[in-house]
Amino acid sequence: MCLKRLNYWKGDINRMKALVTGISGFVGSHMAEFLLENNVEVTGTIRHRSRMDHIKHLKDIQLTECELRDPFSVEHLIQEAKPDLIFHLAAQSFVPTSWNSPMDTIHNNIAGQVNILEAVRRFELDCKIQLACSSEEYGHVEPDEVPIKETNPLRPLSPYAVSKVCQEYLGYQYFKSYGLHIIPTRTFNHTGPRRGENFVTSNFSKQIAEIEKGKKDPVLHVGNLEAKRDFTDVRDVVRAYWLALEKGTAGETYNIASGKCYTIQEMLDLLLSFSSIKIEVKEDPARLRPSDVEILLGDYTMFHQKTGWKPEIPFEQTMEDLLNYWRARV
């Protein structure tokens, strides 16, 4: 670790530079806010079709249009930005989309990361890299394997999950082969304000908000309500990503989770409890997946022991904040 970085972690006035890929997305926008609050210079990647509404309120970030699948574009980005920290968040992250476009998901998620790691290696850049991997990597989990530890077997059940396994293994390979300071994080379900409407917590919240405004009949369409998920607030997650690079050990993978589990039905019941409208719940077969992970409940003990991190925002607050986010937008 260079002197500048050591000084910074101790509160020195020298500012670090961070690169956030996918900065206009759900996690990326929250990551940018967190970094700015901690006096970090922020550069973020966008694409020509990126939505900008999540970051339009941020005045002190440098935006760079970059196609991460293009090695020359990425090489120019890394050469210009020279970041001390890289938070690699850009990805095709919606599991159902990966069923419809498996090759695009795999190519998008793997090629972009390879180009970043290759550029860092070629320029011999002294930086720390966090890879946003996923609990979906665990896939099929046996009943006696819960809560899930980092040592649990990986049995991915979707093209998206396979792409994330590959991202993580590539990170390990570049750490071992070239000495890059890489830390993958397997983040369990995370949600909160700005969550994309395709994701279940946000989709239900938007439907409720539309019903309340009279823009939709009082019928809420759902998929599998029996799946069990571990939800963490996105604002706790970005704090975890920061701590992973501040205190984590290169080459180690860490679970980011709440350690609590809710069925999708329980999550829906909580959202419905925030509304005074009587709403009918109806299953939509189109929302069911070819195969679904039955339970994802994470054990974040190793990460807590390494960094002191633990989730701070209650699930009830997360869901109410998300519902209010959609109430303000429909």
C-alpha atoms as a PDB file:
ATOM      1  CA  MET A   1       0.000   0.000   0.000  1.00  0.00           C
ATOM      2  CA  CYS A   2       1.354   3.392  -0.948  1.00  0.00           C
ATOM      3  CA  LEU A   3       2.018   6.162   1.591  1.00  0.00           C
ATOM      4  CA  LYS A   4      -0.753   8.323   0.187  1.00  0.00           C
ATOM      5  CA  ARG A   5      -3.285   5.584   0.810  1.00  0.00           C
ATOM      6  CA  LEU A   6      -2.043   4.833   4.294  1.00  0.00           C
ATOM      7  CA  ASN A   7      -2.309   8.505   5.172  1.00  0.00           C
ATOM      8  CA  TYR A   8      -5.766   8.767   3.705  1.00  0.00           C
ATOM      9  CA  TRP A   9      -7.201   5.907   5.709  1.00  0.00           C
ATOM     10  CA  LYS A  10      -5.917   7.795   8.783  1.00  0.00           C
ATOM     11  CA  GLY A  11      -7.772  10.936   7.761  1.00  0.00           C
ATOM     12  CA  ASP A  12      -5.052  12.795   5.839  1.00  0.00           C
ATOM     13  CA  ILE A  13      -6.196  15.728   3.691  1.00  0.00           C
ATOM     14  CA  ASN A  14      -4.776  14.070   0.543  1.00  0.00           C
ATOM     15  CA  ARG A  15      -7.757  12.966  -1.481  1.00  0.00           C
ATOM     16  CA  MET A  16      -7.978   9.508  -2.962  1.00  0.00           C
ATOM     17  CA  LYS A  17      -9.390   8.901  -6.409  1.00  0.00           C
ATOM     18  CA  ALA A  18     -12.082   6.286  -6.956  1.00  0.00           C
ATOM     19  CA  LEU A  19     -13.472   4.844 -10.154  1.00  0.00           C
ATOM     20  CA  VAL A  20     -17.057   3.574  -9.987  1.00  0.00           C
ATOM     21  CA  THR A  21     -18.171   1.556 -12.986  1.00  0.00           C
ATOM     22  CA  GLY A  22     -21.907   1.742 -13.586  1.00  0.00           C
ATOM     23  CA  ILE A  23     -22.160   4.912 -11.510  1.00  0.00           C
ATOM     24  CA  SER A  24     -25.596   5.838 -12.859  1.00  0.00           C
ATOM     25  CA  GLY A  25     -27.120   2.591 -11.619  1.00  0.00           C
ATOM     26  CA  PHE A  26     -28.801   1.674  -8.357  1.00  0.00           C
ATOM     27  CA  VAL A  27     -25.727   0.762  -6.282  1.00  0.00           C
ATOM     28  CA  GLY A  28     -23.381   3.007  -8.254  1.00  0.00           C
ATOM     29  CA  SER A  29     -25.306   6.171  -7.414  1.00  0.00           C
ATOM     30  CA  HIS A  30     -25.341   5.326  -3.705  1.00  0.00           C
ATOM     31  CA  MET A  31     -21.643   4.447  -3.872  1.00  0.00           C
ATOM     32  CA  ALA A  32     -20.893   7.836  -5.416  1.00  0.00           C
ATOM     33  CA  GLU A  33     -22.789   9.631  -2.658  1.00  0.00           C
ATOM     34  CA  PHE A  34     -20.919   7.690   0.016  1.00  0.00           C
ATOM     35  CA  LEU A  35     -17.525   8.433  -1.537  1.00  0.00           C
ATOM     36  CA  LEU A  36     -18.254  12.143  -1.919  1.00  0.00           C
ATOM     37  CA  GLU A  37     -19.310  12.296   1.723  1.00  0.00           C
ATOM     38  CA  ASN A  38     -15.893  10.831   2.579  1.00  0.00           C
ATOM     39  CA  ASN A  39     -13.971  13.420   0.516  1.00  0.00           C
ATOM     40  CA  VAL A  40     -12.994  11.038  -2.287  1.00  0.00           C
ATOM     41  CA  GLU A  41     -12.601  12.222  -5.880  1.00  0.00           C
ATOM     42  CA  VAL A  42     -15.075  10.250  -7.967  1.00  0.00           C
ATOM     43  CA  THR A  43     -14.941   9.239 -11.614  1.00  0.00           C
ATOM     44  CA  GLY A  44     -17.787   7.142 -12.968  1.00  0.00           C
ATOM     45  CA  THR A  45     -18.475   5.271 -16.173  1.00  0.00           C
ATOM     46  CA  ILE A  46     -21.674   5.712 -18.143  1.00  0.00           C
ATOM     47  CA  ARG A  47     -22.870   4.544 -21.547  1.00  0.00           C
ATOM     48  CA  HIS A  48     -24.654   6.593 -24.180  1.00  0.00           C
ATOM     49  CA  ARG A  49     -28.003   5.084 -23.137  1.00  0.00           C
ATOM     50  CA  SER A  50     -27.460   5.359 -19.375  1.00  0.00           C
ATOM     51  CA  ARG A  51     -30.247   6.865 -17.291  1.00  0.00           C
ATOM     52  CA  MET A  52     -28.938   9.896 -15.447  1.00  0.00           C
ATOM     53  CA  ASP A  53     -31.765  10.592 -13.002  1.00  0.00           C
ATOM     54  CA  HIS A  54     -30.012   8.794 -10.119  1.00  0.00           C
ATOM     55  CA  ILE A  55     -26.918  11.008 -10.288  1.00  0.00           C
ATOM     56  CA  LYS A  56     -28.144  14.312 -11.687  1.00  0.00           C
ATOM     57  CA  HIS A  57     -28.026  15.810  -8.177  1.00  0.00           C
ATOM     58  CA  LEU A  58     -24.317  14.994  -7.804  1.00  0.00           C
ATOM     59  CA  LYS A  59     -22.195  17.987  -8.801  1.00  0.00           C
ATOM     60  CA  ASP A  60     -18.672  16.852  -7.959  1.00  0.00           C
ATOM     61  CA  ILE A  61     -18.218  13.728 -10.067  1.00  0.00           C
ATOM     62  CA  GLN A  62     -16.356  13.206 -13.321  1.00  0.00           C
ATOM     63  CA  LEU A  63     -18.417  11.186 -15.805  1.00  0.00           C
ATOM     64  CA  THR A  64     -16.756   9.264 -18.611  1.00  0.00           C
ATOM     65  CA  GLU A  65     -18.637   7.537 -21.411  1.00  0.00           C
ATOM     66  CA  CYS A  66     -17.020   4.126 -21.692  1.00  0.00           C
ATOM     67  CA  GLU A  67     -18.026   0.844 -23.285  1.00  0.00           C
ATOM     68  CA  LEU A  68     -16.435  -1.603 -20.869  1.00  0.00           C
ATOM     69  CA  ARG A  69     -16.536  -4.397 -23.465  1.00  0.00           C
ATOM     70  CA  ASP A  70     -14.142  -2.364 -25.628  1.00  0.00           C
ATOM     71  CA  PRO A  71     -10.544  -2.862 -24.401  1.00  0.00           C
ATOM     72  CA  PHE A  72      -9.270   0.348 -26.008  1.00  0.00           C
ATOM     73  CA  SER A  73     -11.994   2.438 -24.358  1.00  0.00           C
ATOM     74  CA  VAL A  74     -11.222   0.879 -20.969  1.00  0.00           C
ATOM     75  CA  GLU A  75      -7.486   1.331 -21.408  1.00  0.00           C
ATOM     76  CA  HIS A  76      -7.989   5.037 -22.090  1.00  0.00           C
ATOM     77  CA  LEU A  77     -10.273   5.308 -19.044  1.00  0.00           C
ATOM     78  CA  ILE A  78      -7.768   3.717 -16.666  1.00  0.00           C
ATOM     79  CA  GLN A  79      -4.864   5.736 -18.066  1.00  0.00           C
ATOM     80  CA  GLU A  80      -6.747   8.993 -17.601  1.00  0.00           C
ATOM     81  CA  ALA A  81      -8.396   8.288 -14.235  1.00  0.00           C
ATOM     82  CA  LYS A  82      -5.455   6.569 -12.485  1.00  0.00           C
ATOM     83  CA  PRO A  83      -7.714   5.554  -9.581  1.00  0.00           C
ATOM     84  CA  ASP A  84      -6.560   4.470  -6.145  1.00  0.00           C
ATOM     85  CA  LEU A  85      -9.789   2.501  -5.722  1.00  0.00           C
ATOM     86  CA  ILE A  86     -12.016   0.746  -8.247  1.00  0.00           C
ATOM     87  CA  PHE A  87     -15.562  -0.285  -7.386  1.00  0.00           C
ATOM     88  CA  HIS A  88     -16.587  -2.507 -10.285  1.00  0.00           C
ATOM     89  CA  LEU A  89     -20.374  -2.418 -10.134  1.00  0.00           C
ATOM     90  CA  ALA A  90     -21.348  -2.334 -13.811  1.00  0.00           C
ATOM     91  CA  ALA A  91     -23.106  -5.518 -14.924  1.00  0.00           C
ATOM     92  CA  GLN A  92     -26.199  -7.060 -16.418  1.00  0.00           C
ATOM     93  CA  SER A  93     -27.649  -7.769 -12.995  1.00  0.00           C
ATOM     94  CA  PHE A  94     -31.244  -8.911 -13.560  1.00  0.00           C
ATOM     95  CA  VAL A  95     -31.501 -12.696 -13.277  1.00  0.00           C
ATOM     96  CA  PRO A  96     -34.583 -13.157 -15.551  1.00  0.00           C
ATOM     97  CA  THR A  97     -32.869 -11.205 -18.331  1.00  0.00           C
ATOM     98  CA  SER A  98     -29.995 -13.678 -18.179  1.00  0.00           C
ATOM     99  CA  TRP A  99     -32.426 -16.464 -19.065  1.00  0.00           C
ATOM    100  CA  ASN A 100     -33.569 -14.572 -22.153  1.00  0.00           C
ATOM    101  CA  SER A 101     -30.093 -13.348 -23.154  1.00  0.00           C
ATOM    102  CA  PRO A 102     -27.553 -15.729 -21.624  1.00  0.00           C
ATOM    103  CA  MET A 103     -24.674 -14.973 -23.987  1.00  0.00           C
ATOM    104  CA  ASP A 104     -25.129 -11.210 -23.732  1.00  0.00           C
ATOM    105  CA  THR A 105     -25.155 -11.464 -19.917  1.00  0.00           C
ATOM    106  CA  ILE A 106     -22.028 -13.613 -19.805  1.00  0.00           C
ATOM    107  CA  HIS A 107     -20.151 -11.545 -22.375  1.00  0.00           C
ATOM    108  CA  ASN A 108     -21.137  -8.234 -20.788  1.00  0.00           C
ATOM    109  CA  ASN A 109     -20.199  -9.241 -17.252  1.00  0.00           C
ATOM    110  CA  ILE A 110     -16.970 -11.063 -18.044  1.00  0.00           C
ATOM    111  CA  ALA A 111     -15.485  -9.005 -20.885  1.00  0.00           C
ATOM    112  CA  GLY A 112     -15.856  -5.710 -19.050  1.00  0.00           C
ATOM    113  CA  GLN A 113     -14.038  -7.027 -15.999  1.00  0.00           C
ATOM    114  CA  VAL A 114     -11.223  -8.626 -18.010  1.00  0.00           C
ATOM    115  CA  ASN A 115     -10.628  -5.318 -19.789  1.00  0.00           C
ATOM    116  CA  ILE A 116     -10.423  -3.446 -16.470  1.00  0.00           C
ATOM    117  CA  LEU A 117      -8.011  -5.942 -14.922  1.00  0.00           C
ATOM    118  CA  GLU A 118      -5.868  -6.023 -18.044  1.00  0.00           C
ATOM    119  CA  ALA A 119      -5.618  -2.223 -18.115  1.00  0.00           C
ATOM    120  CA  VAL A 120      -4.674  -2.059 -14.429  1.00  0.00           C
ATOM    121  CA  ARG A 121      -2.039  -4.742 -15.011  1.00  0.00           C
ATOM    122  CA  ARG A 122      -0.558  -3.110 -18.100  1.00  0.00           C
ATOM    123  CA  PHE A 123      -0.207   0.289 -16.464  1.00  0.00           C
ATOM    124  CA  GLU A 124       1.082  -1.323 -13.240  1.00  0.00           C
ATOM    125  CA  LEU A 125      -1.454   0.756 -11.341  1.00  0.00           C
ATOM    126  CA  ASP A 126      -1.262   0.604  -7.553  1.00  0.00           C
ATOM    127  CA  CYS A 127      -4.938   0.377  -6.683  1.00  0.00           C
ATOM    128  CA  LYS A 128      -7.476  -1.712  -4.822  1.00  0.00           C
ATOM    129  CA  ILE A 129     -10.315  -3.336  -6.754  1.00  0.00           C
ATOM    130  CA  GLN A 130     -13.673  -4.435  -5.357  1.00  0.00           C
ATOM    131  CA  LEU A 131     -15.669  -6.853  -7.492  1.00  0.00           C
ATOM    132  CA  ALA A 132     -19.428  -6.825  -6.931  1.00  0.00           C
ATOM    133  CA  CYS A 133     -20.227 -10.530  -7.080  1.00  0.00           C
ATOM    134  CA  SER A 134     -23.422 -12.164  -5.878  1.00  0.00           C
ATOM    135  CA  SER A 135     -25.041 -14.638  -3.507  1.00  0.00           C
ATOM    136  CA  GLU A 136     -26.683 -16.085  -6.631  1.00  0.00           C
ATOM    137  CA  GLU A 137     -23.378 -17.917  -7.097  1.00  0.00           C
ATOM    138  CA  TYR A 138     -24.385 -20.294  -4.311  1.00  0.00           C
ATOM    139  CA  GLY A 139     -27.456 -21.374  -6.288  1.00  0.00           C
ATOM    140  CA  HIS A 140     -28.767 -24.679  -4.982  1.00  0.00           C
ATOM    141  CA  VAL A 141     -28.327 -24.725  -1.216  1.00  0.00           C
ATOM    142  CA  GLU A 142     -29.005 -27.800   0.927  1.00  0.00           C
ATOM    143  CA  PRO A 143     -31.096 -27.326   4.113  1.00  0.00           C
ATOM    144  CA  ASP A 144     -28.104 -28.083   6.360  1.00  0.00           C
ATOM    145  CA  GLU A 145     -25.957 -25.433   4.599  1.00  0.00           C
ATOM    146  CA  VAL A 146     -27.890 -22.433   5.968  1.00  0.00           C
ATOM    147  CA  PRO A 147     -26.827 -19.804   6.901  1.00  0.00           C
ATOM    148  CA  ILE A 148     -24.467 -19.745   3.943  1.00  0.00           C
ATOM    149  CA  LYS A 149     -20.766 -19.239   4.635  1.00  0.00           C
ATOM    150  CA  GLU A 150     -18.101 -18.267   2.096  1.00  0.00           C
ATOM    151  CA  THR A 151     -16.893 -21.892   2.139  1.00  0.00           C
ATOM    152  CA  ASN A 152     -20.204 -23.236   0.841  1.00  0.00           C
ATOM    153  CA  PRO A 153     -20.112 -24.954  -2.577  1.00  0.00           C
ATOM    154  CA  LEU A 154     -21.073 -22.818  -5.585  1.00  0.00           C
ATOM    155  CA  ARG A 155     -23.940 -24.407  -7.547  1.00  0.00           C
ATOM    156  CA  PRO A 156     -25.161 -21.573  -9.815  1.00  0.00           C
ATOM    157  CA  LEU A 157     -28.687 -21.875 -11.226  1.00  0.00           C
ATOM    158  CA  SER A 158     -28.809 -19.082 -13.815  1.00  0.00           C
ATOM    159  CA  PRO A 159     -26.607 -17.641 -16.551  1.00  0.00           C
ATOM    160  CA  TYR A 160     -26.259 -14.513 -14.400  1.00  0.00           C
ATOM    161  CA  ALA A 161     -24.963 -16.599 -11.485  1.00  0.00           C
ATOM    162  CA  VAL A 162     -22.496 -18.382 -13.768  1.00  0.00           C
ATOM    163  CA  SER A 163     -21.189 -15.020 -14.997  1.00  0.00           C
ATOM    164  CA  LYS A 164     -20.616 -13.896 -11.406  1.00  0.00           C
ATOM    165  CA  VAL A 165     -18.751 -17.102 -10.537  1.00  0.00           C
ATOM    166  CA  CYS A 166     -16.510 -16.435 -13.514  1.00  0.00           C
ATOM    167  CA  GLN A 167     -15.961 -12.795 -12.450  1.00  0.00           C
ATOM    168  CA  GLU A 168     -14.897 -13.958  -9.010  1.00  0.00           C
ATOM    169  CA  TYR A 169     -12.542 -16.657 -10.300  1.00  0.00           C
ATOM    170  CA  LEU A 170     -10.998 -14.212 -12.762  1.00  0.00           C
ATOM    171  CA  GLY A 171     -10.383 -11.849  -9.866  1.00  0.00           C
ATOM    172  CA  TYR A 172      -8.638 -14.609  -7.954  1.00  0.00           C
ATOM    173  CA  GLN A 173      -6.568 -15.521 -11.005  1.00  0.00           C
ATOM    174  CA  TYR A 174      -5.364 -11.922 -11.492  1.00  0.00           C
ATOM    175  CA  PHE A 175      -4.601 -11.671  -7.771  1.00  0.00           C
ATOM    176  CA  LYS A 176      -2.480 -14.834  -7.835  1.00  0.00           C
ATOM    177  CA  SER A 177      -0.922 -14.336 -11.264  1.00  0.00           C
ATOM    178  CA  TYR A 178      -0.197 -10.618 -11.217  1.00  0.00           C
ATOM    179  CA  GLY A 179      -0.504  -9.547  -7.595  1.00  0.00           C
ATOM    180  CA  LEU A 180      -3.493  -7.243  -8.164  1.00  0.00           C
ATOM    181  CA  HIS A 181      -5.225  -6.182  -4.946  1.00  0.00           C
ATOM    182  CA  ILE A 182      -8.655  -7.660  -5.650  1.00  0.00           C
ATOM    183  CA  ILE A 183     -11.486  -8.303  -3.190  1.00  0.00           C
ATOM    184  CA  PRO A 184     -14.715  -9.928  -4.411  1.00  0.00           C
ATOM    185  CA  THR A 185     -17.854  -9.464  -2.349  1.00  0.00           C
ATOM    186  CA  ARG A 186     -20.773 -11.890  -2.569  1.00  0.00           C
ATOM    187  CA  THR A 187     -23.640  -9.578  -1.798  1.00  0.00           C
ATOM    188  CA  PHE A 188     -27.012 -11.041  -0.922  1.00  0.00           C
ATOM    189  CA  ASN A 189     -30.240  -9.327  -1.963  1.00  0.00           C
ATOM    190  CA  HIS A 190     -30.020  -5.576  -1.471  1.00  0.00           C
ATOM    191  CA  THR A 191     -32.663  -2.957  -1.975  1.00  0.00           C
ATOM    192  CA  GLY A 192     -33.724   0.572  -1.108  1.00  0.00           C
ATOM    193  CA  PRO A 193     -34.533   3.833  -2.902  1.00  0.00           C
ATOM    194  CA  ARG A 194     -33.707   3.790  -6.648  1.00  0.00           C
ATOM    195  CA  ARG A 195     -33.916   0.014  -6.974  1.00  0.00           C
ATOM    196  CA  GLY A 196     -34.804  -0.865 -10.586  1.00  0.00           C
ATOM    197  CA  GLU A 197     -38.476  -1.592 -11.090  1.00  0.00           C
ATOM    198  CA  ASN A 198     -37.739  -5.072 -12.505  1.00  0.00           C
ATOM    199  CA  PHE A 199     -36.518  -6.246  -9.103  1.00  0.00           C
ATOM    200  CA  VAL A 200     -39.152  -7.743  -6.834  1.00  0.00           C
ATOM    201  CA  THR A 201     -39.074  -5.288  -3.910  1.00  0.00           C
ATOM    202  CA  SER A 202     -39.204  -2.312  -6.239  1.00  0.00           C
ATOM    203  CA  ASN A 203     -41.755  -3.867  -8.565  1.00  0.00           C
ATOM    204  CA  PHE A 204     -44.176  -4.498  -5.713  1.00  0.00           C
ATOM    205  CA  SER A 205     -43.566  -0.998  -4.321  1.00  0.00           C
ATOM    206  CA  LYS A 206     -44.266   0.617  -7.678  1.00  0.00           C
ATOM    207  CA  GLN A 207     -47.445  -1.391  -8.173  1.00  0.00           C
ATOM    208  CA  ILE A 208     -48.713  -0.306  -4.738  1.00  0.00           C
ATOM    209  CA  ALA A 209     -47.861   3.336  -5.433  1.00  0.00           C
ATOM    210  CA  GLU A 210     -49.687   3.178  -8.788  1.00  0.00           C
ATOM    211  CA  ILE A 211     -52.747   1.614  -7.138  1.00  0.00           C
ATOM    212  CA  GLU A 212     -52.763   4.313  -4.462  1.00  0.00           C
ATOM    213  CA  LYS A 213     -52.689   7.024  -7.165  1.00  0.00           C
ATOM    214  CA  GLY A 214     -55.539   5.373  -9.081  1.00  0.00           C
ATOM    215  CA  LYS A 215     -53.261   4.620 -12.048  1.00  0.00           C
ATOM    216  CA  LYS A 216     -53.747   0.868 -11.741  1.00  0.00           C
ATOM    217  CA  ASP A 217     -56.538  -1.486 -10.723  1.00  0.00           C
ATOM    218  CA  PRO A 218     -56.177  -2.719  -7.113  1.00  0.00           C
ATOM    219  CA  VAL A 219     -54.583  -5.993  -8.222  1.00  0.00           C
ATOM    220  CA  LEU A 220     -50.914  -6.692  -7.496  1.00  0.00           C
ATOM    221  CA  HIS A 221     -49.276  -9.275  -9.788  1.00  0.00           C
ATOM    222  CA  VAL A 222     -46.652 -11.555  -8.269  1.00  0.00           C
ATOM    223  CA  GLY A 223     -44.404 -14.517  -9.053  1.00  0.00           C
ATOM    224  CA  ASN A 224     -42.978 -17.038  -6.586  1.00  0.00           C
ATOM    225  CA  LEU A 225     -43.787 -15.862  -3.050  1.00  0.00           C
ATOM    226  CA  GLU A 226     -42.211 -18.846  -1.294  1.00  0.00           C
ATOM    227  CA  ALA A 227     -38.561 -18.005  -2.028  1.00  0.00           C
ATOM    228  CA  LYS A 228     -36.607 -16.894   1.032  1.00  0.00           C
ATOM    229  CA  ARG A 229     -34.195 -14.001   0.742  1.00  0.00           C
ATOM    230  CA  ASP A 230     -31.715 -12.069   2.864  1.00  0.00           C
ATOM    231  CA  PHE A 231     -32.245  -8.334   2.276  1.00  0.00           C
ATOM    232  CA  THR A 232     -29.715  -5.612   3.125  1.00  0.00           C
ATOM    233  CA  ASP A 233     -30.194  -1.876   2.636  1.00  0.00           C
ATOM    234  CA  VAL A 234     -28.126  -0.511  -0.251  1.00  0.00           C
ATOM    235  CA  ARG A 235     -26.787   2.248   1.990  1.00  0.00           C
ATOM    236  CA  ASP A 236     -25.322  -0.407   4.284  1.00  0.00           C
ATOM    237  CA  VAL A 237     -23.981  -2.284   1.258  1.00  0.00           C
ATOM    238  CA  VAL A 238     -21.928   0.611  -0.136  1.00  0.00           C
ATOM    239  CA  ARG A 239     -20.445   1.171   3.311  1.00  0.00           C
ATOM    240  CA  ALA A 240     -19.463  -2.513   3.253  1.00  0.00           C
ATOM    241  CA  TYR A 241     -17.791  -2.106  -0.148  1.00  0.00           C
ATOM    242  CA  TRP A 242     -15.714   0.764   1.213  1.00  0.00           C
ATOM    243  CA  LEU A 243     -14.683  -1.260   4.266  1.00  0.00           C
ATOM    244  CA  ALA A 244     -13.816  -4.239   2.069  1.00  0.00           C
ATOM    245  CA  LEU A 245     -11.113  -2.159   0.402  1.00  0.00           C
ATOM    246  CA  GLU A 246     -10.085  -0.364   3.582  1.00  0.00           C
ATOM    247  CA  LYS A 247      -9.705  -3.407   5.829  1.00  0.00           C
ATOM    248  CA  GLY A 248     -10.209  -6.528   3.718  1.00  0.00           C
ATOM    249  CA  THR A 249      -7.453  -8.933   2.690  1.00  0.00           C
ATOM    250  CA  ALA A 250      -6.593  -9.166  -1.003  1.00  0.00           C
ATOM    251  CA  GLY A 251      -7.684 -12.460  -2.553  1.00  0.00           C
ATOM    252  CA  GLU A 252     -10.348 -13.138   0.065  1.00  0.00           C
ATOM    253  CA  THR A 253     -14.074 -13.228  -0.747  1.00  0.00           C
ATOM    254  CA  TYR A 254     -16.616 -11.871   1.730  1.00  0.00           C
ATOM    255  CA  ASN A 255     -20.347 -12.322   2.174  1.00  0.00           C
ATOM    256  CA  ILE A 256     -22.319  -9.087   2.531  1.00  0.00           C
ATOM    257  CA  ALA A 257     -25.647  -9.958   4.131  1.00  0.00           C
ATOM    258  CA  SER A 258     -28.061  -9.071   6.908  1.00  0.00           C
ATOM    259  CA  GLY A 259     -28.137 -12.524   8.475  1.00  0.00           C
ATOM    260  CA  LYS A 260     -31.949 -12.421   8.473  1.00  0.00           C
ATOM    261  CA  CYS A 261     -34.335 -14.137   6.075  1.00  0.00           C
ATOM    262  CA  TYR A 262     -37.785 -13.202   4.780  1.00  0.00           C
ATOM    263  CA  THR A 263     -40.034 -14.981   2.330  1.00  0.00           C
ATOM    264  CA  ILE A 264     -41.152 -12.854  -0.613  1.00  0.00           C
ATOM    265  CA  GLN A 265     -44.639 -13.200   0.885  1.00  0.00           C
ATOM    266  CA  GLU A 266     -43.472 -11.646   4.168  1.00  0.00           C
ATOM    267  CA  MET A 267     -41.793  -8.803   2.289  1.00  0.00           C
ATOM    268  CA  LEU A 268     -45.008  -8.193   0.342  1.00  0.00           C
ATOM    269  CA  ASP A 269     -47.118  -8.256   3.517  1.00  0.00           C
ATOM    270  CA  LEU A 270     -44.840  -5.622   5.034  1.00  0.00           C
ATOM    271  CA  LEU A 271     -45.240  -3.354   2.008  1.00  0.00           C
ATOM    272  CA  LEU A 272     -49.009  -3.824   2.021  1.00  0.00           C
ATOM    273  CA  SER A 273     -49.093  -2.867   5.707  1.00  0.00           C
ATOM    274  CA  PHE A 274     -47.842   0.613   4.753  1.00  0.00           C
ATOM    275  CA  SER A 275     -50.897   1.188   2.543  1.00  0.00           C
ATOM    276  CA  SER A 276     -54.537   1.768   3.496  1.00  0.00           C
ATOM    277  CA  ILE A 277     -55.815   0.493   0.132  1.00  0.00           C
ATOM    278  CA  LYS A 278     -57.309  -3.000  -0.083  1.00  0.00           C
ATOM    279  CA  ILE A 279     -55.256  -4.794  -2.728  1.00  0.00           C
ATOM    280  CA  GLU A 280     -55.809  -8.203  -4.315  1.00  0.00           C
ATOM    281  CA  VAL A 281     -52.703 -10.336  -4.887  1.00  0.00           C
ATOM    282  CA  LYS A 282     -52.667 -12.427  -8.069  1.00  0.00           C
ATOM    283  CA  GLU A 283     -50.020 -14.827  -9.384  1.00  0.00           C
ATOM    284  CA  ASP A 284     -48.672 -14.114 -12.866  1.00  0.00           C
ATOM    285  CA  PRO A 285     -47.146 -17.248 -14.499  1.00  0.00           C
ATOM    286  CA  ALA A 286     -44.915 -15.024 -16.641  1.00  0.00           C
ATOM    287  CA  ARG A 287     -43.109 -13.950 -13.462  1.00  0.00           C
ATOM    288  CA  LEU A 288     -42.016 -17.496 -12.589  1.00  0.00           C
ATOM    289  CA  ARG A 289     -38.443 -18.550 -13.462  1.00  0.00           C
ATOM    290  CA  PRO A 290     -37.323 -21.830 -15.086  1.00  0.00           C
ATOM    291  CA  SER A 291     -35.518 -22.577 -11.818  1.00  0.00           C
ATOM    292  CA  ASP A 292     -35.342 -20.524  -8.652  1.00  0.00           C
ATOM    293  CA  VAL A 293     -33.042 -20.501  -5.661  1.00  0.00           C
ATOM    294  CA  GLU A 294     -35.168 -21.613  -2.715  1.00  0.00           C
ATOM    295  CA  ILE A 295     -33.281 -19.852   0.062  1.00  0.00           C
ATOM    296  CA  LEU A 296     -30.478 -17.316   0.304  1.00  0.00           C
ATOM    297  CA  LEU A 297     -29.534 -16.551   3.888  1.00  0.00           C
ATOM    298  CA  GLY A 298     -26.057 -15.238   4.430  1.00  0.00           C
ATOM    299  CA  ASP A 299     -23.526 -15.514   7.226  1.00  0.00           C
ATOM    300  CA  TYR A 300     -21.415 -12.326   7.291  1.00  0.00           C
ATOM    301  CA  THR A 301     -19.356 -13.326  10.355  1.00  0.00           C
ATOM    302  CA  MET A 302     -16.035 -13.366   8.499  1.00  0.00           C
ATOM    303  CA  PHE A 303     -16.563  -9.881   7.081  1.00  0.00           C
ATOM    304  CA  HIS A 304     -17.672  -8.541  10.478  1.00  0.00           C
ATOM    305  CA  GLN A 305     -14.583  -9.973  12.147  1.00  0.00           C
ATOM    306  CA  LYS A 306     -12.332  -8.455   9.480  1.00  0.00           C
ATOM    307  CA  THR A 307     -13.918  -4.985   9.250  1.00  0.00           C
ATOM    308  CA  GLY A 308     -16.386  -4.502  12.107  1.00  0.00           C
ATOM    309  CA  TRP A 309     -19.217  -4.002   9.587  1.00  0.00           C
ATOM    310  CA  LYS A 310     -22.779  -4.913  10.389  1.00  0.00           C
ATOM    311  CA  PRO A 311     -26.081  -3.766   8.878  1.00  0.00           C
ATOM    312  CA  GLU A 312     -27.560  -0.730  10.610  1.00  0.00           C
ATOM    313  CA  ILE A 313     -30.756   0.156   8.701  1.00  0.00           C
ATOM    314  CA  PRO A 314     -33.815  -1.921   9.727  1.00  0.00           C
ATOM    315  CA  PHE A 315     -35.623  -3.823   6.971  1.00  0.00           C
ATOM    316  CA  GLU A 316     -38.863  -2.016   7.799  1.00  0.00           C
ATOM    317  CA  GLN A 317     -37.221   1.359   7.155  1.00  0.00           C
ATOM    318  CA  THR A 318     -35.667   0.123   3.925  1.00  0.00           C
ATOM    319  CA  MET A 319     -39.015  -1.016   2.556  1.00  0.00           C
ATOM    320  CA  GLU A 320     -40.876   2.110   3.658  1.00  0.00           C
ATOM    321  CA  ASP A 321     -38.172   4.305   2.077  1.00  0.00           C
ATOM    322  CA  LEU A 322     -38.474   2.309  -1.145  1.00  0.00           C
ATOM    323  CA  LEU A 323     -42.263   2.629  -1.215  1.00  0.00           C
ATOM    324  CA  ASN A 324     -42.032   6.374  -0.568  1.00  0.00           C
ATOM    325  CA  TYR A 325     -39.484   6.620  -3.393  1.00  0.00           C
ATOM    326  CA  TRP A 326     -42.064   5.239  -5.817  1.00  0.00           C
ATOM    327  CA  ARG A 327     -44.893   7.270  -4.309  1.00  0.00           C
ATOM    328  CA  ALA A 328     -42.946  10.385  -5.253  1.00  0.00           C
ATOM    329  CA  ARG A 329     -42.447   9.198  -8.830  1.00  0.00           C
ATOM    330  CA  VAL A 330     -45.597   7.539 -10.175  1.00  0.00           C
END
